């Protein structure tokens, strides 16, 4: 039995390694053993007095897609204080790291199994990766998944869909790629796909992000302008500082993001015959 823990990618951060991996794996292993015991109990009855009962071994495996070297501690004890002194009382294990980028495309294809094929797809980072994949003998790829179960095909389809989303492939082309997987035609995955300029796509995405920030800043500046104008009008309207607390009104307006509501209060001053009623509405009485 084994478990996998897929580390989160963190872009250009200093490290993409999660240093609490060993502790997370311990939680997974405990859950697996608890589930095993529960299943054993349901099938064979109580085992509390059965000294022969043993839990199955678990070999923890970390599947790592990052390009940086793996630098996290490999033993659980290295994450626990005073483990050198209290070693007999501390649970411990070592996990295995399978680093995707340690394997060449040729090595993965030579294994001719679905897991290696998934590892190959997960290595795609650039348009050249996809071009290289299209150059591989199609029948060779298709033969790997020729007899794959529906469950395995579903996993491969999910990975392909995720890949397409990551590299900004259109929805139509994504659906076409997923359909090819379900037809066991993975070799023809990107056959009709236009060449993708990843760097250009990233540049365009960044430009869209900046445009969004500029639009939000403009909206914020416009909102502040409306608030200042409204306060000027309301201050002139509620001209009795002894009766109307302008600081309270200003506080309400400053904390209100509903610009339409602020404008409605300002418009109401034009034909208002009951200042107190409008004042109470603004301050929420």
C-alpha atoms as a PDB file:
ATOM      1  CA  UNK A   1       0.000   0.000   0.000  1.00  0.00           C
ATOM      2  CA  UNK A   2       1.173   3.532  -0.568  1.00  0.00           C
ATOM      3  CA  UNK A   3      -0.018   7.104  -0.338  1.00  0.00           C
ATOM      4  CA  UNK A   4       0.853  10.138  -2.424  1.00  0.00           C
ATOM      5  CA  UNK A   5       1.191  13.745  -1.377  1.00  0.00           C
ATOM      6  CA  UNK A   6       1.302  16.259  -4.205  1.00  0.00           C
ATOM      7  CA  UNK A   7       3.196  19.378  -3.102  1.00  0.00           C
ATOM      8  CA  UNK A   8       1.704  22.725  -4.030  1.00  0.00           C
ATOM      9  CA  UNK A   9       3.450  24.758  -6.646  1.00  0.00           C
ATOM     10  CA  UNK A  10       4.304  28.261  -5.476  1.00  0.00           C
ATOM     11  CA  UNK A  11       5.431  29.930  -8.650  1.00  0.00           C
ATOM     12  CA  UNK A  12       8.627  31.936  -8.290  1.00  0.00           C
ATOM     13  CA  UNK A  13       8.738  31.737  -4.514  1.00  0.00           C
ATOM     14  CA  UNK A  14      12.054  30.854  -2.885  1.00  0.00           C
ATOM     15  CA  UNK A  15      11.009  27.254  -2.447  1.00  0.00           C
ATOM     16  CA  UNK A  16       8.172  25.073  -3.696  1.00  0.00           C
ATOM     17  CA  UNK A  17       8.781  22.380  -1.080  1.00  0.00           C
ATOM     18  CA  UNK A  18       6.347  21.972   1.812  1.00  0.00           C
ATOM     19  CA  UNK A  19       8.471  21.314   4.894  1.00  0.00           C
ATOM     20  CA  UNK A  20       5.597  19.713   6.819  1.00  0.00           C
ATOM     21  CA  UNK A  21       5.308  16.828   4.361  1.00  0.00           C
ATOM     22  CA  UNK A  22       6.340  14.147   6.872  1.00  0.00           C
ATOM     23  CA  UNK A  23       3.718  15.273   9.397  1.00  0.00           C
ATOM     24  CA  UNK A  24       1.022  15.376   6.704  1.00  0.00           C
ATOM     25  CA  UNK A  25       1.972  11.886   5.584  1.00  0.00           C
ATOM     26  CA  UNK A  26       1.685  10.646   9.171  1.00  0.00           C
ATOM     27  CA  UNK A  27      -1.931  11.887   9.222  1.00  0.00           C
ATOM     28  CA  UNK A  28      -2.657  10.091   5.946  1.00  0.00           C
ATOM     29  CA  UNK A  29      -1.092   6.859   7.203  1.00  0.00           C
ATOM     30  CA  UNK A  30      -3.081   6.979  10.440  1.00  0.00           C
ATOM     31  CA  UNK A  31      -6.294   7.444   8.432  1.00  0.00           C
ATOM     32  CA  UNK A  32      -5.428   4.486   6.170  1.00  0.00           C
ATOM     33  CA  UNK A  33      -4.733   2.238   9.162  1.00  0.00           C
ATOM     34  CA  UNK A  34      -7.933   3.350  10.910  1.00  0.00           C
ATOM     35  CA  UNK A  35      -9.940   2.588   7.775  1.00  0.00           C
ATOM     36  CA  UNK A  36      -8.230  -0.800   7.458  1.00  0.00           C
ATOM     37  CA  UNK A  37      -9.098  -1.671  11.059  1.00  0.00           C
ATOM     38  CA  UNK A  38     -12.694  -0.566  10.531  1.00  0.00           C
ATOM     39  CA  UNK A  39     -13.003  -2.736   7.415  1.00  0.00           C
ATOM     40  CA  UNK A  40     -11.372  -5.688   9.167  1.00  0.00           C
ATOM     41  CA  UNK A  41     -13.783  -5.386  12.078  1.00  0.00           C
ATOM     42  CA  UNK A  42     -16.828  -5.251   9.847  1.00  0.00           C
ATOM     43  CA  UNK A  43     -15.709  -8.358   7.965  1.00  0.00           C
ATOM     44  CA  UNK A  44     -14.301 -10.541  10.748  1.00  0.00           C
ATOM     45  CA  UNK A  45     -15.785  -9.264  13.996  1.00  0.00           C
ATOM     46  CA  UNK A  46     -14.027  -7.970  17.094  1.00  0.00           C
ATOM     47  CA  UNK A  47     -10.276  -8.266  17.222  1.00  0.00           C
ATOM     48  CA  UNK A  48      -9.564  -6.609  20.578  1.00  0.00           C
ATOM     49  CA  UNK A  49      -8.356  -9.929  22.015  1.00  0.00           C
ATOM     50  CA  UNK A  50      -6.776 -11.177  18.835  1.00  0.00           C
ATOM     51  CA  UNK A  51      -3.042 -10.707  19.308  1.00  0.00           C
ATOM     52  CA  UNK A  52      -2.350 -11.898  15.794  1.00  0.00           C
ATOM     53  CA  UNK A  53      -3.995  -8.847  14.222  1.00  0.00           C
ATOM     54  CA  UNK A  54      -1.502  -6.507  12.562  1.00  0.00           C
ATOM     55  CA  UNK A  55      -1.818  -3.398  10.456  1.00  0.00           C
ATOM     56  CA  UNK A  56      -0.550  -3.538   6.878  1.00  0.00           C
ATOM     57  CA  UNK A  57       2.689  -1.759   5.939  1.00  0.00           C
ATOM     58  CA  UNK A  58       2.469   1.607   4.204  1.00  0.00           C
ATOM     59  CA  UNK A  59       5.266   2.897   2.024  1.00  0.00           C
ATOM     60  CA  UNK A  60       4.749   6.686   1.854  1.00  0.00           C
ATOM     61  CA  UNK A  61       5.573   8.149  -1.546  1.00  0.00           C
ATOM     62  CA  UNK A  62       5.711  11.850  -2.405  1.00  0.00           C
ATOM     63  CA  UNK A  63       5.118  12.675  -6.057  1.00  0.00           C
ATOM     64  CA  UNK A  64       6.884  15.979  -6.706  1.00  0.00           C
ATOM     65  CA  UNK A  65       6.408  18.047  -9.881  1.00  0.00           C
ATOM     66  CA  UNK A  66       8.570  21.008  -8.864  1.00  0.00           C
ATOM     67  CA  UNK A  67      11.797  21.788 -10.723  1.00  0.00           C
ATOM     68  CA  UNK A  68      13.774  22.771  -7.607  1.00  0.00           C
ATOM     69  CA  UNK A  69      15.659  20.201  -5.584  1.00  0.00           C
ATOM     70  CA  UNK A  70      13.795  18.450  -2.764  1.00  0.00           C
ATOM     71  CA  UNK A  71      15.207  19.881   0.479  1.00  0.00           C
ATOM     72  CA  UNK A  72      12.632  18.884   3.109  1.00  0.00           C
ATOM     73  CA  UNK A  73      13.553  16.433   5.884  1.00  0.00           C
ATOM     74  CA  UNK A  74      13.030  12.834   4.830  1.00  0.00           C
ATOM     75  CA  UNK A  75      12.429  11.457   8.331  1.00  0.00           C
ATOM     76  CA  UNK A  76       9.538  12.368  10.613  1.00  0.00           C
ATOM     77  CA  UNK A  77      11.870  12.518  13.645  1.00  0.00           C
ATOM     78  CA  UNK A  78      13.701  15.461  12.076  1.00  0.00           C
ATOM     79  CA  UNK A  79      10.538  17.548  12.507  1.00  0.00           C
ATOM     80  CA  UNK A  80      10.185  16.777  16.231  1.00  0.00           C
ATOM     81  CA  UNK A  81      12.090  18.473  19.033  1.00  0.00           C
ATOM     82  CA  UNK A  82      14.437  16.404  21.247  1.00  0.00           C
ATOM     83  CA  UNK A  83      14.010  13.389  18.962  1.00  0.00           C
ATOM     84  CA  UNK A  84      17.643  12.439  19.465  1.00  0.00           C
ATOM     85  CA  UNK A  85      17.031  12.063  23.209  1.00  0.00           C
ATOM     86  CA  UNK A  86      13.484  10.672  23.112  1.00  0.00           C
ATOM     87  CA  UNK A  87      13.808   8.492  20.016  1.00  0.00           C
ATOM     88  CA  UNK A  88      12.287   5.325  21.602  1.00  0.00           C
ATOM     89  CA  UNK A  89       9.080   7.255  22.307  1.00  0.00           C
ATOM     90  CA  UNK A  90       8.681   9.039  18.983  1.00  0.00           C
ATOM     91  CA  UNK A  91       7.056   7.493  15.873  1.00  0.00           C
ATOM     92  CA  UNK A  92       9.301   7.651  12.854  1.00  0.00           C
ATOM     93  CA  UNK A  93       9.449   6.710   9.180  1.00  0.00           C
ATOM     94  CA  UNK A  94      11.165   7.725   5.959  1.00  0.00           C
ATOM     95  CA  UNK A  95       9.256   8.569   2.790  1.00  0.00           C
ATOM     96  CA  UNK A  96      10.241   8.210  -0.852  1.00  0.00           C
ATOM     97  CA  UNK A  97      10.322  11.193  -3.217  1.00  0.00           C
ATOM     98  CA  UNK A  98       9.507  10.608  -6.869  1.00  0.00           C
ATOM     99  CA  UNK A  99      10.644  13.767  -8.635  1.00  0.00           C
ATOM    100  CA  UNK A 100       8.969  14.058 -12.011  1.00  0.00           C
ATOM    101  CA  UNK A 101      11.762  16.039 -13.647  1.00  0.00           C
ATOM    102  CA  UNK A 102      14.379  13.418 -12.757  1.00  0.00           C
ATOM    103  CA  UNK A 103      13.007  11.264 -15.583  1.00  0.00           C
ATOM    104  CA  UNK A 104      13.505  12.004 -19.275  1.00  0.00           C
ATOM    105  CA  UNK A 105      10.601  11.692 -21.697  1.00  0.00           C
ATOM    106  CA  UNK A 106      12.288   8.646 -23.220  1.00  0.00           C
ATOM    107  CA  UNK A 107      12.608   6.928 -19.829  1.00  0.00           C
ATOM    108  CA  UNK A 108       8.944   7.497 -19.022  1.00  0.00           C
ATOM    109  CA  UNK A 109       7.769   6.228 -22.418  1.00  0.00           C
ATOM    110  CA  UNK A 110       9.974   3.145 -22.122  1.00  0.00           C
ATOM    111  CA  UNK A 111       8.074   2.063 -19.008  1.00  0.00           C
ATOM    112  CA  UNK A 112       4.872   1.763 -21.054  1.00  0.00           C
ATOM    113  CA  UNK A 113       2.474   2.181 -18.117  1.00  0.00           C
ATOM    114  CA  UNK A 114      -0.261   4.694 -17.336  1.00  0.00           C
ATOM    115  CA  UNK A 115       1.506   6.265 -14.344  1.00  0.00           C
ATOM    116  CA  UNK A 116       4.600   7.060 -16.417  1.00  0.00           C
ATOM    117  CA  UNK A 117       2.363   8.500 -19.129  1.00  0.00           C
ATOM    118  CA  UNK A 118       0.705  10.781 -16.559  1.00  0.00           C
ATOM    119  CA  UNK A 119       4.135  11.858 -15.332  1.00  0.00           C
ATOM    120  CA  UNK A 120       5.072  12.737 -18.902  1.00  0.00           C
ATOM    121  CA  UNK A 121       1.955  14.875 -19.361  1.00  0.00           C
ATOM    122  CA  UNK A 122       2.557  16.594 -16.022  1.00  0.00           C
ATOM    123  CA  UNK A 123       5.986  17.689 -17.261  1.00  0.00           C
ATOM    124  CA  UNK A 124       4.440  19.901 -19.951  1.00  0.00           C
ATOM    125  CA  UNK A 125       5.452  23.510 -19.323  1.00  0.00           C
ATOM    126  CA  UNK A 126       5.992  25.075 -22.754  1.00  0.00           C
ATOM    127  CA  UNK A 127       4.685  24.919 -26.300  1.00  0.00           C
ATOM    128  CA  UNK A 128       7.804  22.921 -27.242  1.00  0.00           C
ATOM    129  CA  UNK A 129       6.773  20.200 -24.778  1.00  0.00           C
ATOM    130  CA  UNK A 130       3.482  19.801 -26.601  1.00  0.00           C
ATOM    131  CA  UNK A 131       5.223  19.851 -29.998  1.00  0.00           C
ATOM    132  CA  UNK A 132       7.589  17.101 -28.839  1.00  0.00           C
ATOM    133  CA  UNK A 133       4.639  15.050 -27.613  1.00  0.00           C
ATOM    134  CA  UNK A 134       2.950  15.360 -31.000  1.00  0.00           C
ATOM    135  CA  UNK A 135       6.117  13.985 -32.633  1.00  0.00           C
ATOM    136  CA  UNK A 136       6.014  10.759 -30.604  1.00  0.00           C
ATOM    137  CA  UNK A 137       4.737   7.711 -32.462  1.00  0.00           C
ATOM    138  CA  UNK A 138       0.984   7.842 -31.868  1.00  0.00           C
ATOM    139  CA  UNK A 139       0.405   4.107 -31.814  1.00  0.00           C
ATOM    140  CA  UNK A 140       3.056   3.741 -29.126  1.00  0.00           C
ATOM    141  CA  UNK A 141       1.176   6.111 -26.829  1.00  0.00           C
ATOM    142  CA  UNK A 142      -2.210   4.620 -27.617  1.00  0.00           C
ATOM    143  CA  UNK A 143      -0.969   1.116 -26.845  1.00  0.00           C
ATOM    144  CA  UNK A 144      -0.254   2.192 -23.250  1.00  0.00           C
ATOM    145  CA  UNK A 145      -3.904   2.980 -22.550  1.00  0.00           C
ATOM    146  CA  UNK A 146      -5.448   0.481 -24.954  1.00  0.00           C
ATOM    147  CA  UNK A 147      -6.736  -1.733 -22.142  1.00  0.00           C
ATOM    148  CA  UNK A 148      -6.916   0.872 -19.381  1.00  0.00           C
ATOM    149  CA  UNK A 149      -9.951   0.791 -17.108  1.00  0.00           C
ATOM    150  CA  UNK A 150     -12.585   3.535 -17.132  1.00  0.00           C
ATOM    151  CA  UNK A 151     -11.303   4.728 -13.763  1.00  0.00           C
ATOM    152  CA  UNK A 152      -7.764   5.209 -15.101  1.00  0.00           C
ATOM    153  CA  UNK A 153      -9.087   6.936 -18.222  1.00  0.00           C
ATOM    154  CA  UNK A 154     -11.090   9.313 -16.011  1.00  0.00           C
ATOM    155  CA  UNK A 155      -7.910  10.236 -14.134  1.00  0.00           C
ATOM    156  CA  UNK A 156      -5.970  10.843 -17.347  1.00  0.00           C
ATOM    157  CA  UNK A 157      -8.856  12.924 -18.727  1.00  0.00           C
ATOM    158  CA  UNK A 158      -8.865  15.048 -15.568  1.00  0.00           C
ATOM    159  CA  UNK A 159      -5.099  15.614 -15.828  1.00  0.00           C
ATOM    160  CA  UNK A 160      -5.400  16.599 -19.493  1.00  0.00           C
ATOM    161  CA  UNK A 161      -8.232  19.020 -18.720  1.00  0.00           C
ATOM    162  CA  UNK A 162      -6.167  20.582 -15.948  1.00  0.00           C
ATOM    163  CA  UNK A 163      -3.194  20.914 -18.317  1.00  0.00           C
ATOM    164  CA  UNK A 164      -5.321  22.622 -20.956  1.00  0.00           C
ATOM    165  CA  UNK A 165      -6.613  25.091 -18.383  1.00  0.00           C
ATOM    166  CA  UNK A 166      -3.086  25.815 -17.147  1.00  0.00           C
ATOM    167  CA  UNK A 167      -1.769  26.685 -20.598  1.00  0.00           C
ATOM    168  CA  UNK A 168      -4.900  28.636 -21.613  1.00  0.00           C
ATOM    169  CA  UNK A 169      -6.197  26.314 -24.321  1.00  0.00           C
ATOM    170  CA  UNK A 170      -9.676  27.200 -25.562  1.00  0.00           C
ATOM    171  CA  UNK A 171     -12.706  25.411 -24.133  1.00  0.00           C
ATOM    172  CA  UNK A 172     -13.473  23.833 -27.517  1.00  0.00           C
ATOM    173  CA  UNK A 173      -9.949  22.452 -27.923  1.00  0.00           C
ATOM    174  CA  UNK A 174      -9.948  21.282 -24.304  1.00  0.00           C
ATOM    175  CA  UNK A 175     -13.163  19.309 -24.827  1.00  0.00           C
ATOM    176  CA  UNK A 176     -11.692  17.826 -28.009  1.00  0.00           C
ATOM    177  CA  UNK A 177      -8.537  16.731 -26.138  1.00  0.00           C
ATOM    178  CA  UNK A 178     -10.536  15.151 -23.295  1.00  0.00           C
ATOM    179  CA  UNK A 179     -12.733  13.326 -25.813  1.00  0.00           C
ATOM    180  CA  UNK A 180      -9.652  11.835 -27.476  1.00  0.00           C
ATOM    181  CA  UNK A 181      -8.525  10.510 -24.094  1.00  0.00           C
ATOM    182  CA  UNK A 182     -11.912   8.872 -23.536  1.00  0.00           C
ATOM    183  CA  UNK A 183     -11.651   7.274 -26.989  1.00  0.00           C
ATOM    184  CA  UNK A 184      -8.224   5.841 -25.978  1.00  0.00           C
ATOM    185  CA  UNK A 185      -6.567   8.018 -28.635  1.00  0.00           C
ATOM    186  CA  UNK A 186      -4.088   9.862 -26.457  1.00  0.00           C
ATOM    187  CA  UNK A 187      -1.512   9.842 -29.256  1.00  0.00           C
ATOM    188  CA  UNK A 188      -3.741  12.213 -31.216  1.00  0.00           C
ATOM    189  CA  UNK A 189      -4.243  14.476 -28.200  1.00  0.00           C
ATOM    190  CA  UNK A 190      -2.927  17.725 -29.692  1.00  0.00           C
ATOM    191  CA  UNK A 191      -3.209  16.790 -33.362  1.00  0.00           C
ATOM    192  CA  UNK A 192      -5.546  19.639 -34.355  1.00  0.00           C
ATOM    193  CA  UNK A 193      -4.335  22.146 -31.803  1.00  0.00           C
ATOM    194  CA  UNK A 194      -2.714  25.339 -33.018  1.00  0.00           C
ATOM    195  CA  UNK A 195       0.826  25.964 -31.821  1.00  0.00           C
ATOM    196  CA  UNK A 196       0.665  27.652 -28.451  1.00  0.00           C
ATOM    197  CA  UNK A 197       2.928  30.560 -27.478  1.00  0.00           C
ATOM    198  CA  UNK A 198       2.986  30.119 -23.697  1.00  0.00           C
ATOM    199  CA  UNK A 199       5.046  33.241 -23.040  1.00  0.00           C
ATOM    200  CA  UNK A 200       2.673  35.361 -25.113  1.00  0.00           C
ATOM    201  CA  UNK A 201      -0.305  33.919 -23.261  1.00  0.00           C
ATOM    202  CA  UNK A 202       1.297  34.716 -19.925  1.00  0.00           C
ATOM    203  CA  UNK A 203       2.056  38.255 -21.112  1.00  0.00           C
ATOM    204  CA  UNK A 204      -1.565  38.744 -22.187  1.00  0.00           C
ATOM    205  CA  UNK A 205      -2.811  37.372 -18.848  1.00  0.00           C
ATOM    206  CA  UNK A 206      -0.579  39.821 -16.983  1.00  0.00           C
ATOM    207  CA  UNK A 207      -1.849  42.693 -19.132  1.00  0.00           C
ATOM    208  CA  UNK A 208      -5.439  41.712 -18.331  1.00  0.00           C
ATOM    209  CA  UNK A 209      -4.593  41.590 -14.637  1.00  0.00           C
ATOM    210  CA  UNK A 210      -3.038  45.065 -14.730  1.00  0.00           C
ATOM    211  CA  UNK A 211      -6.016  46.380 -16.684  1.00  0.00           C
ATOM    212  CA  UNK A 212      -8.297  45.016 -13.980  1.00  0.00           C
ATOM    213  CA  UNK A 213      -6.250  46.743 -11.299  1.00  0.00           C
ATOM    214  CA  UNK A 214      -6.413  50.049 -13.195  1.00  0.00           C
ATOM    215  CA  UNK A 215     -10.179  49.739 -13.570  1.00  0.00           C
ATOM    216  CA  UNK A 216     -10.578  49.005  -9.855  1.00  0.00           C
ATOM    217  CA  UNK A 217      -8.405  52.008  -8.993  1.00  0.00           C
ATOM    218  CA  UNK A 218     -10.446  54.271 -11.261  1.00  0.00           C
ATOM    219  CA  UNK A 219     -13.679  53.023  -9.675  1.00  0.00           C
ATOM    220  CA  UNK A 220     -12.260  53.664  -6.208  1.00  0.00           C
ATOM    221  CA  UNK A 221     -11.200  57.201  -7.140  1.00  0.00           C
ATOM    222  CA  UNK A 222     -14.641  57.872  -8.621  1.00  0.00           C
ATOM    223  CA  UNK A 223     -16.290  56.593  -5.446  1.00  0.00           C
ATOM    224  CA  UNK A 224     -14.150  58.883  -3.272  1.00  0.00           C
ATOM    225  CA  UNK A 225     -15.046  61.825  -5.486  1.00  0.00           C
ATOM    226  CA  UNK A 226     -18.765  61.110  -5.068  1.00  0.00           C
ATOM    227  CA  UNK A 227     -18.342  60.829  -1.294  1.00  0.00           C
ATOM    228  CA  UNK A 228     -16.558  64.193  -1.089  1.00  0.00           C
ATOM    229  CA  UNK A 229     -19.233  65.910  -3.190  1.00  0.00           C
ATOM    230  CA  UNK A 230     -22.021  64.319  -1.153  1.00  0.00           C
ATOM    231  CA  UNK A 231     -20.471  65.458   2.119  1.00  0.00           C
ATOM    232  CA  UNK A 232     -20.278  69.018   0.829  1.00  0.00           C
ATOM    233  CA  UNK A 233     -23.982  68.980  -0.084  1.00  0.00           C
ATOM    234  CA  UNK A 234     -25.067  67.271   3.147  1.00  0.00           C
ATOM    235  CA  UNK A 235     -22.990  69.624   5.281  1.00  0.00           C
ATOM    236  CA  UNK A 236     -24.702  72.610   3.695  1.00  0.00           C
ATOM    237  CA  UNK A 237     -28.100  70.945   4.091  1.00  0.00           C
ATOM    238  CA  UNK A 238     -27.705  69.971   7.761  1.00  0.00           C
ATOM    239  CA  UNK A 239     -26.550  73.445   8.737  1.00  0.00           C
ATOM    240  CA  UNK A 240     -27.207  73.116  12.468  1.00  0.00           C
ATOM    241  CA  UNK A 241     -24.163  71.437  14.082  1.00  0.00           C
ATOM    242  CA  UNK A 242     -25.884  71.406  17.457  1.00  0.00           C
ATOM    243  CA  UNK A 243     -28.713  69.251  16.146  1.00  0.00           C
ATOM    244  CA  UNK A 244     -26.976  67.177  13.459  1.00  0.00           C
ATOM    245  CA  UNK A 245     -23.704  65.328  14.011  1.00  0.00           C
ATOM    246  CA  UNK A 246     -21.744  65.763  10.777  1.00  0.00           C
ATOM    247  CA  UNK A 247     -18.865  63.605  11.995  1.00  0.00           C
ATOM    248  CA  UNK A 248     -21.319  60.746  12.383  1.00  0.00           C
ATOM    249  CA  UNK A 249     -22.668  61.319   8.873  1.00  0.00           C
ATOM    250  CA  UNK A 250     -19.111  61.389   7.495  1.00  0.00           C
ATOM    251  CA  UNK A 251     -18.342  58.141   9.296  1.00  0.00           C
ATOM    252  CA  UNK A 252     -21.385  56.465   7.734  1.00  0.00           C
ATOM    253  CA  UNK A 253     -20.503  57.660   4.234  1.00  0.00           C
ATOM    254  CA  UNK A 254     -16.845  56.656   4.574  1.00  0.00           C
ATOM    255  CA  UNK A 255     -17.855  53.124   5.565  1.00  0.00           C
ATOM    256  CA  UNK A 256     -20.467  52.746   2.812  1.00  0.00           C
ATOM    257  CA  UNK A 257     -19.436  51.186  -0.495  1.00  0.00           C
ATOM    258  CA  UNK A 258     -22.934  51.546  -1.971  1.00  0.00           C
ATOM    259  CA  UNK A 259     -22.437  54.652  -4.111  1.00  0.00           C
ATOM    260  CA  UNK A 260     -26.056  54.603  -5.301  1.00  0.00           C
ATOM    261  CA  UNK A 261     -27.248  54.833  -1.716  1.00  0.00           C
ATOM    262  CA  UNK A 262     -25.021  57.840  -1.018  1.00  0.00           C
ATOM    263  CA  UNK A 263     -26.284  59.591  -4.168  1.00  0.00           C
ATOM    264  CA  UNK A 264     -29.895  58.903  -3.135  1.00  0.00           C
ATOM    265  CA  UNK A 265     -29.289  60.704   0.190  1.00  0.00           C
ATOM    266  CA  UNK A 266     -27.795  63.644  -1.685  1.00  0.00           C
ATOM    267  CA  UNK A 267     -30.703  63.774  -4.156  1.00  0.00           C
ATOM    268  CA  UNK A 268     -33.193  63.651  -1.273  1.00  0.00           C
ATOM    269  CA  UNK A 269     -31.946  67.002   0.045  1.00  0.00           C
ATOM    270  CA  UNK A 270     -33.352  68.804  -2.997  1.00  0.00           C
ATOM    271  CA  UNK A 271     -37.012  68.572  -2.011  1.00  0.00           C
ATOM    272  CA  UNK A 272     -36.696  67.368   1.581  1.00  0.00           C
ATOM    273  CA  UNK A 273     -39.228  68.814   4.050  1.00  0.00           C
ATOM    274  CA  UNK A 274     -38.092  66.739   7.041  1.00  0.00           C
ATOM    275  CA  UNK A 275     -34.385  67.084   7.781  1.00  0.00           C
ATOM    276  CA  UNK A 276     -34.570  64.984  10.924  1.00  0.00           C
ATOM    277  CA  UNK A 277     -36.135  62.042   9.078  1.00  0.00           C
ATOM    278  CA  UNK A 278     -33.403  62.121   6.419  1.00  0.00           C
ATOM    279  CA  UNK A 279     -30.712  62.471   9.087  1.00  0.00           C
ATOM    280  CA  UNK A 280     -32.072  59.439  10.961  1.00  0.00           C
ATOM    281  CA  UNK A 281     -32.183  57.452   7.712  1.00  0.00           C
ATOM    282  CA  UNK A 282     -28.521  58.222   7.009  1.00  0.00           C
ATOM    283  CA  UNK A 283     -27.260  57.321  10.476  1.00  0.00           C
ATOM    284  CA  UNK A 284     -29.502  54.247  10.626  1.00  0.00           C
ATOM    285  CA  UNK A 285     -31.911  55.224  13.381  1.00  0.00           C
END
